[in-house]
Amino acid sequence: MALFQSSIVRNRLLSMLSQEDYALLEPSLERVSLPLQTVMIETQQPIQHVTFLESGISSTIANTDEGRIEIGLVGREGLVGVPIILGVDQTPHRCVVQGAGEGLRISTVDLRAAIQARPTILQPLGLFVHTLMVQMGQTAYANVAFDIEARLARWILMTQDRTNGSDLVLTHEFLAAMLGTRRPGVTSATHALEGMGSIRNKRGRIEVRNREMLLELAGDAYQVAEDEYERVITTN
């Protein structure tokens, strides 16, 4: 597939489309600002749009008896609105902006019409759905098999991947919700990582000081989903 528009479109899935496929979508794409905490998809409500992120981060959140927990993380490598790609109109999960950014969104009606007209549009979108499922599986694995320090290291790595920065806006309250734990546990884990020299904890921010150390701590809870994404996206 041609990467003809990769210099003007920052979303990786859109950049994979052929010239003809992108030309069909382009008139329906609307650039939107995504402030922090914007609800992109609400629980059990009709999904009106699919959004291709160009910057920022969206979290897929599951509400449990123990509180909220993040089950998926998406940046410019993907899209928000996976149920629509699978032919489903709503979901029990919520999608919320956890890192402010921008995106290109298209209405559900327009996207489905475009896919019906040119089914080849669906190929990169389906590949992303597969990789997100792998990521969610790794999240479940990490939550069961790894301690809070390793899970925090994994989350920091995943966030850094999608922001290209070493200075991340991550409060302890936010991390507790994302990791499905209590704030004291996050505080203890943050102090542990800081004591190792892998991060520096500042007010509402975490600075990555040693990525290799975070990789070692996260172990195989991290990298499996990342490698799978690169494998399927770059070979198709």
C-alpha atoms as a PDB file:
ATOM      1  CA  MET A   1       0.000   0.000   0.000  1.00  0.00           C
ATOM      2  CA  ALA A   2       1.253   3.466  -0.828  1.00  0.00           C
ATOM      3  CA  LEU A   3       2.390   5.762   1.955  1.00  0.00           C
ATOM      4  CA  PHE A   4       1.776   8.800  -0.258  1.00  0.00           C
ATOM      5  CA  GLN A   5       0.174  10.992   2.401  1.00  0.00           C
ATOM      6  CA  SER A   6       2.373  10.014   5.355  1.00  0.00           C
ATOM      7  CA  SER A   7       3.912  13.493   5.440  1.00  0.00           C
ATOM      8  CA  ILE A   8       0.553  15.168   6.041  1.00  0.00           C
ATOM      9  CA  VAL A   9      -1.274  12.516   8.084  1.00  0.00           C
ATOM     10  CA  ARG A  10       0.270  11.516  11.389  1.00  0.00           C
ATOM     11  CA  ASN A  11      -2.001   8.569  12.120  1.00  0.00           C
ATOM     12  CA  ARG A  12      -0.246   5.387  11.135  1.00  0.00           C
ATOM     13  CA  LEU A  13      -3.338   3.515   9.934  1.00  0.00           C
ATOM     14  CA  LEU A  14      -4.426   6.316   7.622  1.00  0.00           C
ATOM     15  CA  SER A  15      -0.907   6.554   6.253  1.00  0.00           C
ATOM     16  CA  MET A  16      -1.158   2.896   5.179  1.00  0.00           C
ATOM     17  CA  LEU A  17      -4.115   3.489   2.884  1.00  0.00           C
ATOM     18  CA  SER A  18      -3.769   3.602  -0.874  1.00  0.00           C
ATOM     19  CA  GLN A  19      -4.281   6.927  -2.624  1.00  0.00           C
ATOM     20  CA  GLU A  20      -7.725   5.848  -3.769  1.00  0.00           C
ATOM     21  CA  ASP A  21      -8.830   4.629  -0.339  1.00  0.00           C
ATOM     22  CA  TYR A  22      -7.646   7.762   1.432  1.00  0.00           C
ATOM     23  CA  ALA A  23      -9.246  10.011  -1.191  1.00  0.00           C
ATOM     24  CA  LEU A  24     -12.596   8.403  -0.437  1.00  0.00           C
ATOM     25  CA  LEU A  25     -12.259   8.993   3.306  1.00  0.00           C
ATOM     26  CA  GLU A  26     -10.690  12.445   3.237  1.00  0.00           C
ATOM     27  CA  PRO A  27     -13.843  14.553   2.620  1.00  0.00           C
ATOM     28  CA  SER A  28     -15.477  12.944   5.683  1.00  0.00           C
ATOM     29  CA  LEU A  29     -12.515  13.340   8.038  1.00  0.00           C
ATOM     30  CA  GLU A  30     -12.876  16.143  10.586  1.00  0.00           C
ATOM     31  CA  ARG A  31      -9.906  17.380  12.591  1.00  0.00           C
ATOM     32  CA  VAL A  32     -10.804  17.593  16.283  1.00  0.00           C
ATOM     33  CA  SER A  33      -9.067  18.749  19.422  1.00  0.00           C
ATOM     34  CA  LEU A  34      -9.002  16.195  22.236  1.00  0.00           C
ATOM     35  CA  PRO A  35      -8.604  17.893  25.629  1.00  0.00           C
ATOM     36  CA  LEU A  36      -7.691  15.847  28.684  1.00  0.00           C
ATOM     37  CA  GLN A  37     -10.567  13.724  30.061  1.00  0.00           C
ATOM     38  CA  THR A  38     -12.687  14.048  26.910  1.00  0.00           C
ATOM     39  CA  VAL A  39     -15.081  11.088  26.770  1.00  0.00           C
ATOM     40  CA  MET A  40     -14.758   9.685  23.249  1.00  0.00           C
ATOM     41  CA  ILE A  41     -17.023   6.671  23.742  1.00  0.00           C
ATOM     42  CA  GLU A  42     -19.548   6.355  26.552  1.00  0.00           C
ATOM     43  CA  THR A  43     -20.617   3.072  28.092  1.00  0.00           C
ATOM     44  CA  GLN A  44     -23.564   1.410  26.344  1.00  0.00           C
ATOM     45  CA  GLN A  45     -24.260   4.422  24.148  1.00  0.00           C
ATOM     46  CA  PRO A  46     -24.344   4.459  20.333  1.00  0.00           C
ATOM     47  CA  ILE A  47     -20.868   5.118  18.929  1.00  0.00           C
ATOM     48  CA  GLN A  48     -21.219   8.108  16.637  1.00  0.00           C
ATOM     49  CA  HIS A  49     -17.632   8.464  15.410  1.00  0.00           C
ATOM     50  CA  VAL A  50     -14.389   6.604  14.830  1.00  0.00           C
ATOM     51  CA  THR A  51     -11.333   8.723  15.609  1.00  0.00           C
ATOM     52  CA  PHE A  52      -7.843   8.256  14.202  1.00  0.00           C
ATOM     53  CA  LEU A  53      -5.509   9.800  16.773  1.00  0.00           C
ATOM     54  CA  GLU A  54      -2.665  11.966  15.504  1.00  0.00           C
ATOM     55  CA  SER A  55      -1.386  12.884  18.943  1.00  0.00           C
ATOM     56  CA  GLY A  56      -2.388  12.218  22.528  1.00  0.00           C
ATOM     57  CA  ILE A  57      -3.596   9.040  24.199  1.00  0.00           C
ATOM     58  CA  SER A  58      -6.976   7.384  24.720  1.00  0.00           C
ATOM     59  CA  SER A  59      -7.624   4.774  27.394  1.00  0.00           C
ATOM     60  CA  THR A  60     -10.289   2.090  27.243  1.00  0.00           C
ATOM     61  CA  ILE A  61     -11.716   1.771  30.748  1.00  0.00           C
ATOM     62  CA  ALA A  62     -13.624  -1.084  32.354  1.00  0.00           C
ATOM     63  CA  ASN A  63     -15.714  -0.374  35.439  1.00  0.00           C
ATOM     64  CA  THR A  64     -15.505  -3.149  38.036  1.00  0.00           C
ATOM     65  CA  ASP A  65     -16.733  -3.633  41.586  1.00  0.00           C
ATOM     66  CA  GLU A  66     -13.254  -2.619  42.716  1.00  0.00           C
ATOM     67  CA  GLY A  67     -13.262   0.549  40.622  1.00  0.00           C
ATOM     68  CA  ARG A  68     -12.014   1.594  37.192  1.00  0.00           C
ATOM     69  CA  ILE A  69      -9.192  -0.192  35.433  1.00  0.00           C
ATOM     70  CA  GLU A  70      -7.570   0.459  32.090  1.00  0.00           C
ATOM     71  CA  ILE A  71      -7.686  -2.405  29.623  1.00  0.00           C
ATOM     72  CA  GLY A  72      -6.438  -0.699  26.458  1.00  0.00           C
ATOM     73  CA  LEU A  73      -4.222   2.195  25.410  1.00  0.00           C
ATOM     74  CA  VAL A  74      -4.250   3.845  21.971  1.00  0.00           C
ATOM     75  CA  GLY A  75      -2.188   6.599  20.393  1.00  0.00           C
ATOM     76  CA  ARG A  76      -1.403   7.644  16.844  1.00  0.00           C
ATOM     77  CA  GLU A  77      -0.740   4.001  15.947  1.00  0.00           C
ATOM     78  CA  GLY A  78      -4.449   3.234  16.009  1.00  0.00           C
ATOM     79  CA  LEU A  79      -8.033   4.350  16.281  1.00  0.00           C
ATOM     80  CA  VAL A  80     -10.785   4.791  18.852  1.00  0.00           C
ATOM     81  CA  GLY A  81     -13.996   3.023  17.897  1.00  0.00           C
ATOM     82  CA  VAL A  82     -12.950  -0.602  17.442  1.00  0.00           C
ATOM     83  CA  PRO A  83     -16.509  -1.955  17.987  1.00  0.00           C
ATOM     84  CA  ILE A  84     -17.588  -0.185  14.788  1.00  0.00           C
ATOM     85  CA  ILE A  85     -14.871  -1.978  12.814  1.00  0.00           C
ATOM     86  CA  LEU A  86     -16.262  -5.249  14.165  1.00  0.00           C
ATOM     87  CA  GLY A  87     -19.848  -4.369  13.256  1.00  0.00           C
ATOM     88  CA  VAL A  88     -20.968  -3.476  16.789  1.00  0.00           C
ATOM     89  CA  ASP A  89     -22.631  -0.168  17.663  1.00  0.00           C
ATOM     90  CA  GLN A  90     -21.899   0.131  21.404  1.00  0.00           C
ATOM     91  CA  THR A  91     -19.686  -1.262  24.148  1.00  0.00           C
ATOM     92  CA  PRO A  92     -19.685  -1.731  27.942  1.00  0.00           C
ATOM     93  CA  HIS A  93     -16.328   0.058  28.038  1.00  0.00           C
ATOM     94  CA  ARG A  94     -15.565   3.751  28.125  1.00  0.00           C
ATOM     95  CA  CYS A  95     -12.887   5.513  26.051  1.00  0.00           C
ATOM     96  CA  VAL A  96     -11.386   8.629  27.646  1.00  0.00           C
ATOM     97  CA  VAL A  97      -8.575  10.975  26.601  1.00  0.00           C
ATOM     98  CA  GLN A  98      -5.708  10.483  29.076  1.00  0.00           C
ATOM     99  CA  GLY A  99      -3.194  12.577  27.169  1.00  0.00           C
ATOM    100  CA  ALA A 100      -4.412  15.682  25.321  1.00  0.00           C
ATOM    101  CA  GLY A 101      -3.959  15.713  21.568  1.00  0.00           C
ATOM    102  CA  GLU A 102      -5.689  15.845  18.209  1.00  0.00           C
ATOM    103  CA  GLY A 103      -7.354  13.404  15.869  1.00  0.00           C
ATOM    104  CA  LEU A 104      -9.189  12.938  12.604  1.00  0.00           C
ATOM    105  CA  ARG A 105     -12.672  11.611  13.136  1.00  0.00           C
ATOM    106  CA  ILE A 106     -15.279  10.239  10.767  1.00  0.00           C
ATOM    107  CA  SER A 107     -18.907   9.445  11.444  1.00  0.00           C
ATOM    108  CA  THR A 108     -19.838   5.808  11.833  1.00  0.00           C
ATOM    109  CA  VAL A 109     -22.247   6.122   8.890  1.00  0.00           C
ATOM    110  CA  ASP A 110     -19.599   7.608   6.592  1.00  0.00           C
ATOM    111  CA  LEU A 111     -16.940   5.074   7.540  1.00  0.00           C
ATOM    112  CA  ARG A 112     -19.245   2.123   6.955  1.00  0.00           C
ATOM    113  CA  ALA A 113     -20.306   3.551   3.594  1.00  0.00           C
ATOM    114  CA  ALA A 114     -16.667   4.014   2.602  1.00  0.00           C
ATOM    115  CA  ILE A 115     -15.779   0.451   3.602  1.00  0.00           C
ATOM    116  CA  GLN A 116     -18.719  -0.881   1.629  1.00  0.00           C
ATOM    117  CA  ALA A 117     -17.554   1.086  -1.427  1.00  0.00           C
ATOM    118  CA  ARG A 118     -13.885   0.111  -1.015  1.00  0.00           C
ATOM    119  CA  PRO A 119     -13.410  -2.954   1.217  1.00  0.00           C
ATOM    120  CA  THR A 120      -9.622  -2.553   1.052  1.00  0.00           C
ATOM    121  CA  ILE A 121      -9.997   0.277   3.619  1.00  0.00           C
ATOM    122  CA  LEU A 122     -10.778  -2.396   6.180  1.00  0.00           C
ATOM    123  CA  GLN A 123      -7.428  -4.196   5.923  1.00  0.00           C
ATOM    124  CA  PRO A 124      -5.228  -1.906   8.082  1.00  0.00           C
ATOM    125  CA  LEU A 125      -8.113  -1.289  10.480  1.00  0.00           C
ATOM    126  CA  GLY A 126      -8.539  -5.022  11.006  1.00  0.00           C
ATOM    127  CA  LEU A 127      -4.816  -5.439  11.594  1.00  0.00           C
ATOM    128  CA  PHE A 128      -4.995  -2.834  14.337  1.00  0.00           C
ATOM    129  CA  VAL A 129      -7.942  -4.583  15.974  1.00  0.00           C
ATOM    130  CA  HIS A 130      -5.817  -7.728  16.162  1.00  0.00           C
ATOM    131  CA  THR A 131      -2.903  -5.911  17.780  1.00  0.00           C
ATOM    132  CA  LEU A 132      -5.189  -4.206  20.298  1.00  0.00           C
ATOM    133  CA  MET A 133      -6.547  -7.610  21.293  1.00  0.00           C
ATOM    134  CA  VAL A 134      -2.969  -8.775  21.853  1.00  0.00           C
ATOM    135  CA  GLN A 135      -2.302  -5.694  23.979  1.00  0.00           C
ATOM    136  CA  MET A 136      -5.402  -6.353  26.076  1.00  0.00           C
ATOM    137  CA  GLY A 137      -4.302  -9.940  26.585  1.00  0.00           C
ATOM    138  CA  GLN A 138      -0.920  -8.739  27.778  1.00  0.00           C
ATOM    139  CA  THR A 139      -2.624  -6.318  30.160  1.00  0.00           C
ATOM    140  CA  ALA A 140      -4.633  -9.161  31.692  1.00  0.00           C
ATOM    141  CA  TYR A 141      -1.430 -11.206  31.976  1.00  0.00           C
ATOM    142  CA  ALA A 142       0.420  -8.321  33.627  1.00  0.00           C
ATOM    143  CA  ASN A 143      -2.380  -7.690  36.128  1.00  0.00           C
ATOM    144  CA  VAL A 144      -2.323 -11.328  37.242  1.00  0.00           C
ATOM    145  CA  ALA A 145       1.359 -12.258  37.063  1.00  0.00           C
ATOM    146  CA  PHE A 146       3.307  -9.049  37.797  1.00  0.00           C
ATOM    147  CA  ASP A 147       3.675  -6.830  40.832  1.00  0.00           C
ATOM    148  CA  ILE A 148       2.735  -3.161  40.857  1.00  0.00           C
ATOM    149  CA  GLU A 149       6.304  -1.993  40.129  1.00  0.00           C
ATOM    150  CA  ALA A 150       6.478  -4.040  36.916  1.00  0.00           C
ATOM    151  CA  ARG A 151       2.989  -2.969  35.852  1.00  0.00           C
ATOM    152  CA  LEU A 152       3.871   0.670  36.465  1.00  0.00           C
ATOM    153  CA  ALA A 153       7.067   0.270  34.427  1.00  0.00           C
ATOM    154  CA  ARG A 154       5.042  -1.249  31.581  1.00  0.00           C
ATOM    155  CA  TRP A 155       2.489   1.561  31.651  1.00  0.00           C
ATOM    156  CA  ILE A 156       5.197   4.232  31.616  1.00  0.00           C
ATOM    157  CA  LEU A 157       6.859   2.554  28.624  1.00  0.00           C
ATOM    158  CA  MET A 158       3.582   2.330  26.732  1.00  0.00           C
ATOM    159  CA  THR A 159       2.803   5.969  27.447  1.00  0.00           C
ATOM    160  CA  GLN A 160       6.256   7.112  26.382  1.00  0.00           C
ATOM    161  CA  ASP A 161       5.917   5.143  23.134  1.00  0.00           C
ATOM    162  CA  ARG A 162       2.853   7.175  22.244  1.00  0.00           C
ATOM    163  CA  THR A 163       4.153  10.595  23.273  1.00  0.00           C
ATOM    164  CA  ASN A 164       7.790  10.491  22.132  1.00  0.00           C
ATOM    165  CA  GLY A 165       8.818  12.314  25.268  1.00  0.00           C
ATOM    166  CA  SER A 166      10.628  11.582  28.499  1.00  0.00           C
ATOM    167  CA  ASP A 167       8.480  13.904  30.632  1.00  0.00           C
ATOM    168  CA  LEU A 168       5.021  12.398  31.195  1.00  0.00           C
ATOM    169  CA  VAL A 169       1.986  13.966  32.893  1.00  0.00           C
ATOM    170  CA  LEU A 170       1.016  11.148  35.262  1.00  0.00           C
ATOM    171  CA  THR A 171      -0.450  11.906  38.680  1.00  0.00           C
ATOM    172  CA  HIS A 172      -0.660   9.199  41.344  1.00  0.00           C
ATOM    173  CA  GLU A 173      -4.468   9.404  41.338  1.00  0.00           C
ATOM    174  CA  PHE A 174      -4.513   8.848  37.601  1.00  0.00           C
ATOM    175  CA  LEU A 175      -2.041   5.949  37.759  1.00  0.00           C
ATOM    176  CA  ALA A 176      -4.026   4.276  40.534  1.00  0.00           C
ATOM    177  CA  ALA A 177      -7.139   4.294  38.349  1.00  0.00           C
ATOM    178  CA  MET A 178      -5.255   3.062  35.298  1.00  0.00           C
ATOM    179  CA  LEU A 179      -3.493   0.243  37.142  1.00  0.00           C
ATOM    180  CA  GLY A 180      -6.502  -0.813  39.166  1.00  0.00           C
ATOM    181  CA  THR A 181      -4.875  -0.255  42.541  1.00  0.00           C
ATOM    182  CA  ARG A 182      -4.973   2.198  45.431  1.00  0.00           C
ATOM    183  CA  ARG A 183      -2.974   5.414  45.472  1.00  0.00           C
ATOM    184  CA  PRO A 184      -0.643   4.279  48.325  1.00  0.00           C
ATOM    185  CA  GLY A 185       0.393   1.325  46.154  1.00  0.00           C
ATOM    186  CA  VAL A 186       1.246   3.639  43.259  1.00  0.00           C
ATOM    187  CA  THR A 187       3.155   5.965  45.590  1.00  0.00           C
ATOM    188  CA  SER A 188       5.210   3.057  46.903  1.00  0.00           C
ATOM    189  CA  ALA A 189       5.887   1.729  43.390  1.00  0.00           C
ATOM    190  CA  THR A 190       6.861   5.174  42.133  1.00  0.00           C
ATOM    191  CA  HIS A 191       9.323   5.594  44.995  1.00  0.00           C
ATOM    192  CA  ALA A 192      10.766   2.154  44.193  1.00  0.00           C
ATOM    193  CA  LEU A 193      11.313   3.026  40.528  1.00  0.00           C
ATOM    194  CA  GLU A 194      12.770   6.379  41.486  1.00  0.00           C
ATOM    195  CA  GLY A 195      15.118   4.720  43.965  1.00  0.00           C
ATOM    196  CA  MET A 196      16.372   2.472  41.170  1.00  0.00           C
ATOM    197  CA  GLY A 197      17.134   5.511  39.041  1.00  0.00           C
ATOM    198  CA  SER A 198      14.694   4.578  36.263  1.00  0.00           C
ATOM    199  CA  ILE A 199      12.413   7.598  36.736  1.00  0.00           C
ATOM    200  CA  ARG A 200      12.267  10.927  38.479  1.00  0.00           C
ATOM    201  CA  ASN A 201       8.993  11.765  40.179  1.00  0.00           C
ATOM    202  CA  LYS A 202       7.943  15.410  39.985  1.00  0.00           C
ATOM    203  CA  ARG A 203       4.664  17.118  40.786  1.00  0.00           C
ATOM    204  CA  GLY A 204       2.110  15.508  38.495  1.00  0.00           C
ATOM    205  CA  ARG A 205       4.871  14.341  36.185  1.00  0.00           C
ATOM    206  CA  ILE A 206       7.202  11.407  35.758  1.00  0.00           C
ATOM    207  CA  GLU A 207      10.487  11.861  33.941  1.00  0.00           C
ATOM    208  CA  VAL A 208      11.947   8.735  32.340  1.00  0.00           C
ATOM    209  CA  ARG A 209      15.620   8.561  33.277  1.00  0.00           C
ATOM    210  CA  ASN A 210      16.564   5.014  32.289  1.00  0.00           C
ATOM    211  CA  ARG A 211      14.308   3.280  29.753  1.00  0.00           C
ATOM    212  CA  GLU A 212      16.444   0.125  29.683  1.00  0.00           C
ATOM    213  CA  MET A 213      15.869  -0.346  33.390  1.00  0.00           C
ATOM    214  CA  LEU A 214      12.113   0.001  32.902  1.00  0.00           C
ATOM    215  CA  LEU A 215      12.259  -2.586  30.113  1.00  0.00           C
ATOM    216  CA  GLU A 216      14.051  -5.030  32.377  1.00  0.00           C
ATOM    217  CA  LEU A 217      11.559  -4.489  35.170  1.00  0.00           C
ATOM    218  CA  ALA A 218       8.492  -4.857  32.921  1.00  0.00           C
ATOM    219  CA  GLY A 219       9.838  -8.101  31.459  1.00  0.00           C
ATOM    220  CA  ASP A 220       7.589  -9.929  29.006  1.00  0.00           C
ATOM    221  CA  ALA A 221       4.535  -8.014  30.177  1.00  0.00           C
ATOM    222  CA  TYR A 222       5.809  -5.401  27.709  1.00  0.00           C
ATOM    223  CA  GLN A 223       7.115  -5.751  24.139  1.00  0.00           C
ATOM    224  CA  VAL A 224       4.957  -8.698  23.010  1.00  0.00           C
ATOM    225  CA  ALA A 225       2.120  -6.444  21.840  1.00  0.00           C
ATOM    226  CA  GLU A 226       4.563  -3.863  20.494  1.00  0.00           C
ATOM    227  CA  ASP A 227       6.436  -6.465  18.458  1.00  0.00           C
ATOM    228  CA  GLU A 228       3.182  -7.912  17.128  1.00  0.00           C
ATOM    229  CA  TYR A 229       2.051  -4.469  15.975  1.00  0.00           C
ATOM    230  CA  GLU A 230       5.284  -3.892  14.082  1.00  0.00           C
ATOM    231  CA  ARG A 231       5.132  -7.374  12.592  1.00  0.00           C
ATOM    232  CA  VAL A 232       1.621  -7.148  11.169  1.00  0.00           C
ATOM    233  CA  ILE A 233       1.642  -3.466  10.246  1.00  0.00           C
ATOM    234  CA  THR A 234       5.021  -3.394   8.480  1.00  0.00           C
ATOM    235  CA  THR A 235       4.495  -6.647   6.563  1.00  0.00           C
ATOM    236  CA  ASN A 236       1.091  -5.769   5.144  1.00  0.00           C
END
